[in-house]
Amino acid sequence: MSDPTIPDELAPRIYEVVKQVPAGCVATYGEIAQVVGAGCDARHVGAMLALVKDPTVPWQRVINAKGTISARDARGMQQQRQRLEEEGVLFDKRGRIDLARFGWRGPDPEWAARQGYQTLSPRDEPEQPSLF
């Protein structure tokens, strides 16, 4: 199954990048799009992760830029949170993840260069105070 508004070549690239996010870390939809590169945006990443069937793609590790799980059905949100908590990711009382603590810093630059991907820009947001 695919989304007709998304170029076919993006799906495998998105999934390959998501596979680079290690357990216990999260990345935002926009960060995944940044690593994939030209022609990919956060909306593409979200659409493709909603369709993923491959159990080796850790879709649960991708969240929104606010540090929260994006709205979908309640069961899917609960499953995503449970999987992240099982990996050691903590949520605050408002359901947010501290991106400074659990945020992925991007792929290995050598891997990215070999595969034709980008690296992440350093985070320019102020560090969130730890609530844990």
N, C-alpha and C. Protein backbone atom coordinates (compact mmCIF):
# COMPACT_ATOMS: atom_id res chain seq x y z
N MET A 1 0.85 -1.17 0.00
CA MET A 1 0.00 0.00 0.00
C MET A 1 0.89 1.23 0.00
N SER A 2 0.54 2.22 -0.78
CA SER A 2 1.32 3.44 -0.82
C SER A 2 0.39 4.64 -0.90
N ASP A 3 0.96 5.80 -0.67
CA ASP A 3 0.23 7.06 -0.76
C ASP A 3 0.52 7.64 -2.13
N PRO A 4 -0.49 7.85 -2.97
CA PRO A 4 -0.24 8.33 -4.33
C PRO A 4 0.35 9.74 -4.40
N THR A 5 0.32 10.47 -3.30
CA THR A 5 0.88 11.82 -3.30
C THR A 5 2.37 11.84 -2.95
N ILE A 6 2.91 10.68 -2.61
CA ILE A 6 4.31 10.60 -2.20
C ILE A 6 5.10 9.79 -3.22
N PRO A 7 6.21 10.32 -3.70
CA PRO A 7 7.00 9.57 -4.67
C PRO A 7 7.40 8.20 -4.12
N ASP A 8 7.29 7.16 -4.95
CA ASP A 8 7.57 5.79 -4.53
C ASP A 8 8.96 5.61 -3.94
N GLU A 9 9.93 6.36 -4.43
CA GLU A 9 11.30 6.17 -3.96
C GLU A 9 11.51 6.69 -2.53
N LEU A 10 10.59 7.48 -2.01
CA LEU A 10 10.77 8.01 -0.66
C LEU A 10 10.51 6.98 0.43
N ALA A 11 9.57 6.09 0.25
CA ALA A 11 9.21 5.14 1.31
C ALA A 11 10.42 4.35 1.79
N PRO A 12 11.16 3.68 0.91
CA PRO A 12 12.30 2.90 1.43
C PRO A 12 13.38 3.78 2.07
N ARG A 13 13.53 5.00 1.58
CA ARG A 13 14.52 5.90 2.17
C ARG A 13 14.08 6.33 3.58
N ILE A 14 12.81 6.65 3.72
CA ILE A 14 12.28 7.01 5.03
C ILE A 14 12.45 5.86 6.01
N TYR A 15 12.07 4.67 5.59
CA TYR A 15 12.16 3.50 6.47
C TYR A 15 13.60 3.21 6.86
N GLU A 16 14.53 3.36 5.93
CA GLU A 16 15.94 3.10 6.23
C GLU A 16 16.47 4.09 7.26
N VAL A 17 16.07 5.34 7.16
CA VAL A 17 16.51 6.34 8.13
C VAL A 17 15.89 6.06 9.50
N VAL A 18 14.61 5.74 9.54
CA VAL A 18 13.96 5.44 10.82
C VAL A 18 14.65 4.26 11.50
N LYS A 19 15.14 3.31 10.73
CA LYS A 19 15.85 2.16 11.31
C LYS A 19 17.15 2.57 11.99
N GLN A 20 17.66 3.75 11.70
CA GLN A 20 18.91 4.22 12.32
C GLN A 20 18.69 4.81 13.71
N VAL A 21 17.44 5.11 14.06
CA VAL A 21 17.15 5.69 15.37
C VAL A 21 17.23 4.56 16.40
N PRO A 22 18.17 4.66 17.34
CA PRO A 22 18.34 3.56 18.29
C PRO A 22 17.24 3.50 19.35
N ALA A 23 17.10 2.33 19.93
CA ALA A 23 16.16 2.15 21.04
C ALA A 23 16.52 3.14 22.14
N GLY A 24 15.49 3.70 22.76
CA GLY A 24 15.69 4.66 23.83
C GLY A 24 15.85 6.09 23.35
N CYS A 25 15.75 6.29 22.04
CA CYS A 25 15.85 7.62 21.44
C CYS A 25 14.61 7.87 20.59
N VAL A 26 14.34 9.15 20.35
CA VAL A 26 13.26 9.54 19.45
C VAL A 26 13.79 10.56 18.45
N ALA A 27 13.14 10.62 17.31
CA ALA A 27 13.41 11.64 16.29
C ALA A 27 12.08 12.25 15.92
N THR A 28 12.12 13.46 15.40
CA THR A 28 10.88 14.09 14.95
C THR A 28 10.66 13.77 13.47
N TYR A 29 9.43 13.94 13.05
CA TYR A 29 9.11 13.73 11.64
C TYR A 29 9.99 14.63 10.77
N GLY A 30 10.17 15.87 11.19
CA GLY A 30 10.99 16.80 10.44
C GLY A 30 12.45 16.39 10.38
N GLU A 31 12.96 15.83 11.46
CA GLU A 31 14.35 15.38 11.45
C GLU A 31 14.55 14.21 10.49
N ILE A 32 13.61 13.29 10.47
CA ILE A 32 13.71 12.18 9.53
C ILE A 32 13.70 12.73 8.11
N ALA A 33 12.81 13.67 7.83
CA ALA A 33 12.74 14.29 6.50
C ALA A 33 14.05 14.99 6.16
N GLN A 34 14.65 15.68 7.12
CA GLN A 34 15.91 16.37 6.89
C GLN A 34 17.00 15.39 6.49
N VAL A 35 17.06 14.25 7.16
CA VAL A 35 18.08 13.25 6.84
C VAL A 35 17.82 12.63 5.47
N VAL A 36 16.58 12.34 5.15
CA VAL A 36 16.24 11.77 3.84
C VAL A 36 16.65 12.74 2.74
N GLY A 37 16.37 14.02 2.93
CA GLY A 37 16.83 15.03 1.99
C GLY A 37 15.77 15.52 1.04
N ALA A 38 16.23 16.09 -0.05
CA ALA A 38 15.36 16.77 -1.03
C ALA A 38 14.16 15.92 -1.42
N GLY A 39 13.02 16.60 -1.47
CA GLY A 39 11.79 15.94 -1.87
C GLY A 39 11.01 15.30 -0.75
N CYS A 40 11.55 15.36 0.47
CA CYS A 40 10.88 14.73 1.62
C CYS A 40 10.57 15.81 2.65
N ASP A 41 9.37 15.75 3.21
CA ASP A 41 9.04 16.65 4.31
C ASP A 41 8.36 15.85 5.43
N ALA A 42 8.11 16.51 6.53
CA ALA A 42 7.55 15.84 7.71
C ALA A 42 6.22 15.15 7.39
N ARG A 43 5.43 15.76 6.53
CA ARG A 43 4.14 15.16 6.15
C ARG A 43 4.36 13.83 5.44
N HIS A 44 5.35 13.76 4.57
CA HIS A 44 5.67 12.50 3.89
C HIS A 44 6.05 11.41 4.90
N VAL A 45 6.88 11.80 5.85
CA VAL A 45 7.33 10.84 6.87
C VAL A 45 6.14 10.30 7.65
N GLY A 46 5.27 11.19 8.10
CA GLY A 46 4.08 10.75 8.85
C GLY A 46 3.20 9.83 8.04
N ALA A 47 2.98 10.17 6.78
CA ALA A 47 2.12 9.35 5.93
C ALA A 47 2.71 7.96 5.73
N MET A 48 4.02 7.90 5.50
CA MET A 48 4.65 6.60 5.26
C MET A 48 4.70 5.75 6.53
N LEU A 49 4.91 6.38 7.68
CA LEU A 49 4.93 5.61 8.92
C LEU A 49 3.54 5.10 9.28
N ALA A 50 2.51 5.80 8.87
CA ALA A 50 1.15 5.32 9.11
C ALA A 50 0.85 4.07 8.29
N LEU A 51 1.61 3.87 7.21
CA LEU A 51 1.38 2.73 6.32
C LEU A 51 2.36 1.58 6.54
N VAL A 52 3.37 1.77 7.36
CA VAL A 52 4.43 0.77 7.49
C VAL A 52 3.88 -0.57 7.97
N LYS A 53 4.33 -1.62 7.31
CA LYS A 53 3.96 -2.99 7.70
C LYS A 53 5.17 -3.80 8.14
N ASP A 54 6.36 -3.31 7.83
CA ASP A 54 7.61 -4.00 8.14
C ASP A 54 7.90 -3.90 9.64
N PRO A 55 7.94 -5.02 10.36
CA PRO A 55 8.17 -4.97 11.80
C PRO A 55 9.58 -4.53 12.18
N THR A 56 10.49 -4.43 11.21
CA THR A 56 11.85 -3.98 11.53
C THR A 56 11.97 -2.46 11.51
N VAL A 57 10.91 -1.76 11.13
CA VAL A 57 10.91 -0.30 11.12
C VAL A 57 10.34 0.18 12.46
N PRO A 58 11.18 0.79 13.31
CA PRO A 58 10.71 1.21 14.63
C PRO A 58 9.94 2.54 14.58
N TRP A 59 8.77 2.48 13.99
CA TRP A 59 7.92 3.66 13.79
C TRP A 59 7.64 4.41 15.08
N GLN A 60 7.62 3.70 16.19
CA GLN A 60 7.28 4.32 17.48
C GLN A 60 8.30 5.37 17.89
N ARG A 61 9.48 5.34 17.31
CA ARG A 61 10.54 6.28 17.71
C ARG A 61 10.44 7.63 17.02
N VAL A 62 9.40 7.84 16.23
CA VAL A 62 9.23 9.12 15.53
C VAL A 62 8.02 9.85 16.11
N ILE A 63 8.27 11.06 16.58
CA ILE A 63 7.25 11.86 17.24
C ILE A 63 7.22 13.26 16.63
N ASN A 64 6.35 14.11 17.12
CA ASN A 64 6.28 15.46 16.57
C ASN A 64 7.30 16.39 17.23
N ALA A 65 7.46 17.57 16.66
CA ALA A 65 8.47 18.52 17.12
C ALA A 65 8.18 19.08 18.51
N LYS A 66 6.97 18.91 19.01
CA LYS A 66 6.62 19.35 20.36
C LYS A 66 7.09 18.34 21.41
N GLY A 67 7.56 17.18 20.95
CA GLY A 67 7.99 16.14 21.87
C GLY A 67 6.85 15.25 22.30
N THR A 68 5.76 15.25 21.54
CA THR A 68 4.61 14.42 21.89
C THR A 68 4.28 13.46 20.76
N ILE A 69 3.48 12.49 21.09
CA ILE A 69 2.97 11.55 20.10
C ILE A 69 1.89 12.25 19.30
N SER A 70 1.96 12.15 18.00
CA SER A 70 0.95 12.81 17.16
C SER A 70 -0.37 12.09 17.24
N ALA A 71 -1.41 12.88 17.14
CA ALA A 71 -2.77 12.35 17.25
C ALA A 71 -3.04 11.29 16.19
N ARG A 72 -3.55 10.21 16.63
CA ARG A 72 -4.08 9.14 15.80
C ARG A 72 -5.09 8.43 16.68
N ASP A 73 -5.51 7.28 16.34
CA ASP A 73 -6.49 6.63 17.20
C ASP A 73 -5.87 6.36 18.58
N ALA A 74 -6.70 6.31 19.59
CA ALA A 74 -6.24 6.16 20.97
C ALA A 74 -5.41 4.89 21.15
N ARG A 75 -5.80 3.82 20.49
CA ARG A 75 -5.06 2.56 20.64
C ARG A 75 -3.64 2.70 20.09
N GLY A 76 -3.50 3.36 18.94
CA GLY A 76 -2.18 3.55 18.34
C GLY A 76 -1.30 4.42 19.19
N MET A 77 -1.88 5.47 19.78
CA MET A 77 -1.11 6.36 20.64
C MET A 77 -0.66 5.62 21.89
N GLN A 78 -1.54 4.81 22.45
CA GLN A 78 -1.21 4.04 23.65
C GLN A 78 -0.12 3.02 23.34
N GLN A 79 -0.21 2.37 22.18
CA GLN A 79 0.79 1.39 21.78
C GLN A 79 2.15 2.06 21.58
N GLN A 80 2.17 3.23 20.94
CA GLN A 80 3.42 3.95 20.72
C GLN A 80 4.06 4.33 22.06
N ARG A 81 3.26 4.88 22.95
CA ARG A 81 3.79 5.27 24.26
C ARG A 81 4.33 4.06 25.00
N GLN A 82 3.59 2.97 24.99
CA GLN A 82 4.03 1.76 25.70
C GLN A 82 5.36 1.27 25.13
N ARG A 83 5.48 1.23 23.81
CA ARG A 83 6.74 0.77 23.20
C ARG A 83 7.90 1.67 23.59
N LEU A 84 7.67 2.98 23.57
CA LEU A 84 8.74 3.91 23.94
C LEU A 84 9.12 3.75 25.41
N GLU A 85 8.14 3.61 26.27
CA GLU A 85 8.43 3.42 27.70
C GLU A 85 9.20 2.13 27.92
N GLU A 86 8.88 1.08 27.18
CA GLU A 86 9.61 -0.19 27.29
C GLU A 86 11.08 -0.02 26.88
N GLU A 87 11.35 0.96 26.03
CA GLU A 87 12.73 1.25 25.60
C GLU A 87 13.44 2.21 26.55
N GLY A 88 12.74 2.68 27.57
CA GLY A 88 13.34 3.57 28.55
C GLY A 88 13.08 5.05 28.33
N VAL A 89 12.25 5.40 27.35
CA VAL A 89 11.91 6.79 27.10
C VAL A 89 10.87 7.22 28.13
N LEU A 90 11.11 8.38 28.74
CA LEU A 90 10.22 8.88 29.78
C LEU A 90 9.36 10.02 29.25
N PHE A 91 8.14 10.09 29.76
CA PHE A 91 7.19 11.15 29.43
C PHE A 91 6.95 11.97 30.68
N ASP A 92 6.76 13.28 30.52
CA ASP A 92 6.42 14.10 31.67
C ASP A 92 4.91 14.03 31.91
N LYS A 93 4.42 14.79 32.86
CA LYS A 93 3.00 14.75 33.21
C LYS A 93 2.10 15.22 32.08
N ARG A 94 2.64 16.01 31.15
CA ARG A 94 1.85 16.50 30.02
C ARG A 94 1.98 15.58 28.79
N GLY A 95 2.68 14.46 28.95
CA GLY A 95 2.84 13.53 27.84
C GLY A 95 3.93 13.91 26.86
N ARG A 96 4.87 14.73 27.31
CA ARG A 96 5.98 15.16 26.45
C ARG A 96 7.26 14.38 26.76
N ILE A 97 8.07 14.26 25.73
CA ILE A 97 9.39 13.64 25.86
C ILE A 97 10.42 14.76 25.80
N ASP A 98 11.39 14.73 26.68
CA ASP A 98 12.47 15.72 26.69
C ASP A 98 13.40 15.41 25.51
N LEU A 99 13.30 16.22 24.46
CA LEU A 99 14.10 16.00 23.26
C LEU A 99 15.59 16.21 23.51
N ALA A 100 15.93 17.06 24.47
CA ALA A 100 17.34 17.26 24.81
C ALA A 100 17.92 15.98 25.41
N ARG A 101 17.12 15.24 26.10
CA ARG A 101 17.59 14.01 26.76
C ARG A 101 17.45 12.78 25.87
N PHE A 102 16.31 12.64 25.18
CA PHE A 102 16.04 11.43 24.42
C PHE A 102 16.12 11.61 22.91
N GLY A 103 16.36 12.84 22.47
CA GLY A 103 16.39 13.11 21.03
C GLY A 103 17.60 12.50 20.34
N TRP A 104 17.34 11.93 19.18
CA TRP A 104 18.38 11.35 18.32
C TRP A 104 19.24 12.47 17.79
N ARG A 105 20.51 12.25 17.70
CA ARG A 105 21.44 13.26 17.19
C ARG A 105 21.73 13.09 15.70
N GLY A 106 21.09 12.10 15.10
CA GLY A 106 21.26 11.89 13.66
C GLY A 106 22.14 10.69 13.36
N PRO A 107 22.17 10.34 12.09
CA PRO A 107 22.95 9.17 11.69
C PRO A 107 24.45 9.43 11.74
N ASP A 108 25.20 8.37 11.75
CA ASP A 108 26.64 8.45 11.63
C ASP A 108 26.96 9.18 10.32
N PRO A 109 27.76 10.23 10.37
CA PRO A 109 28.04 11.00 9.14
C PRO A 109 28.62 10.16 8.00
N GLU A 110 29.47 9.20 8.32
CA GLU A 110 30.04 8.36 7.27
C GLU A 110 28.96 7.49 6.63
N TRP A 111 28.08 6.91 7.44
CA TRP A 111 26.98 6.11 6.90
C TRP A 111 26.10 6.99 6.02
N ALA A 112 25.77 8.18 6.52
CA ALA A 112 24.90 9.08 5.76
C ALA A 112 25.53 9.41 4.40
N ALA A 113 26.81 9.72 4.39
CA ALA A 113 27.48 10.07 3.13
C ALA A 113 27.48 8.89 2.16
N ARG A 114 27.77 7.70 2.65
CA ARG A 114 27.79 6.50 1.79
C ARG A 114 26.41 6.21 1.21
N GLN A 115 25.36 6.46 1.99
CA GLN A 115 24.00 6.12 1.57
C GLN A 115 23.30 7.25 0.82
N GLY A 116 23.93 8.41 0.78
CA GLY A 116 23.31 9.55 0.10
C GLY A 116 22.30 10.30 0.94
N TYR A 117 22.48 10.27 2.27
CA TYR A 117 21.59 10.97 3.19
C TYR A 117 22.29 12.20 3.75
N GLN A 118 21.54 13.01 4.43
CA GLN A 118 22.05 14.20 5.10
C GLN A 118 22.29 13.87 6.57
N THR A 119 22.90 14.80 7.28
CA THR A 119 23.01 14.68 8.73
C THR A 119 22.10 15.74 9.35
N LEU A 120 21.89 15.66 10.62
CA LEU A 120 21.03 16.63 11.29
C LEU A 120 21.81 17.88 11.67
N SER A 121 21.15 19.01 11.58
CA SER A 121 21.71 20.25 12.09
C SER A 121 21.66 20.18 13.60
N PRO A 122 22.61 20.81 14.26
CA PRO A 122 22.55 20.81 15.73
C PRO A 122 21.25 21.46 16.20
N ARG A 123 20.73 20.97 17.29
CA ARG A 123 19.51 21.55 17.86
C ARG A 123 19.79 22.98 18.30
N ASP A 124 18.93 23.90 17.89
CA ASP A 124 19.11 25.29 18.29
C ASP A 124 18.10 25.72 19.34
N GLU A 125 17.35 24.75 19.84
CA GLU A 125 16.37 25.06 20.86
C GLU A 125 17.04 25.05 22.23
N PRO A 126 16.57 25.84 23.17
CA PRO A 126 17.13 25.78 24.51
C PRO A 126 16.82 24.44 25.14
N GLU A 127 17.73 23.99 25.96
CA GLU A 127 17.51 22.72 26.62
C GLU A 127 16.33 22.82 27.57
N GLN A 128 15.46 21.82 27.53
CA GLN A 128 14.33 21.80 28.42
C GLN A 128 14.81 21.42 29.81
N PRO A 129 14.24 22.03 30.85
CA PRO A 129 14.64 21.59 32.18
C PRO A 129 14.18 20.16 32.40
N SER A 130 15.01 19.40 33.06
CA SER A 130 14.68 18.00 33.28
C SER A 130 13.53 17.88 34.28
N LEU A 131 12.57 17.07 33.91
CA LEU A 131 11.42 16.84 34.80
C LEU A 131 11.48 15.44 35.38
N PHE A 132 12.61 14.75 35.18
CA PHE A 132 12.70 13.36 35.59
C PHE A 132 13.73 13.17 36.66
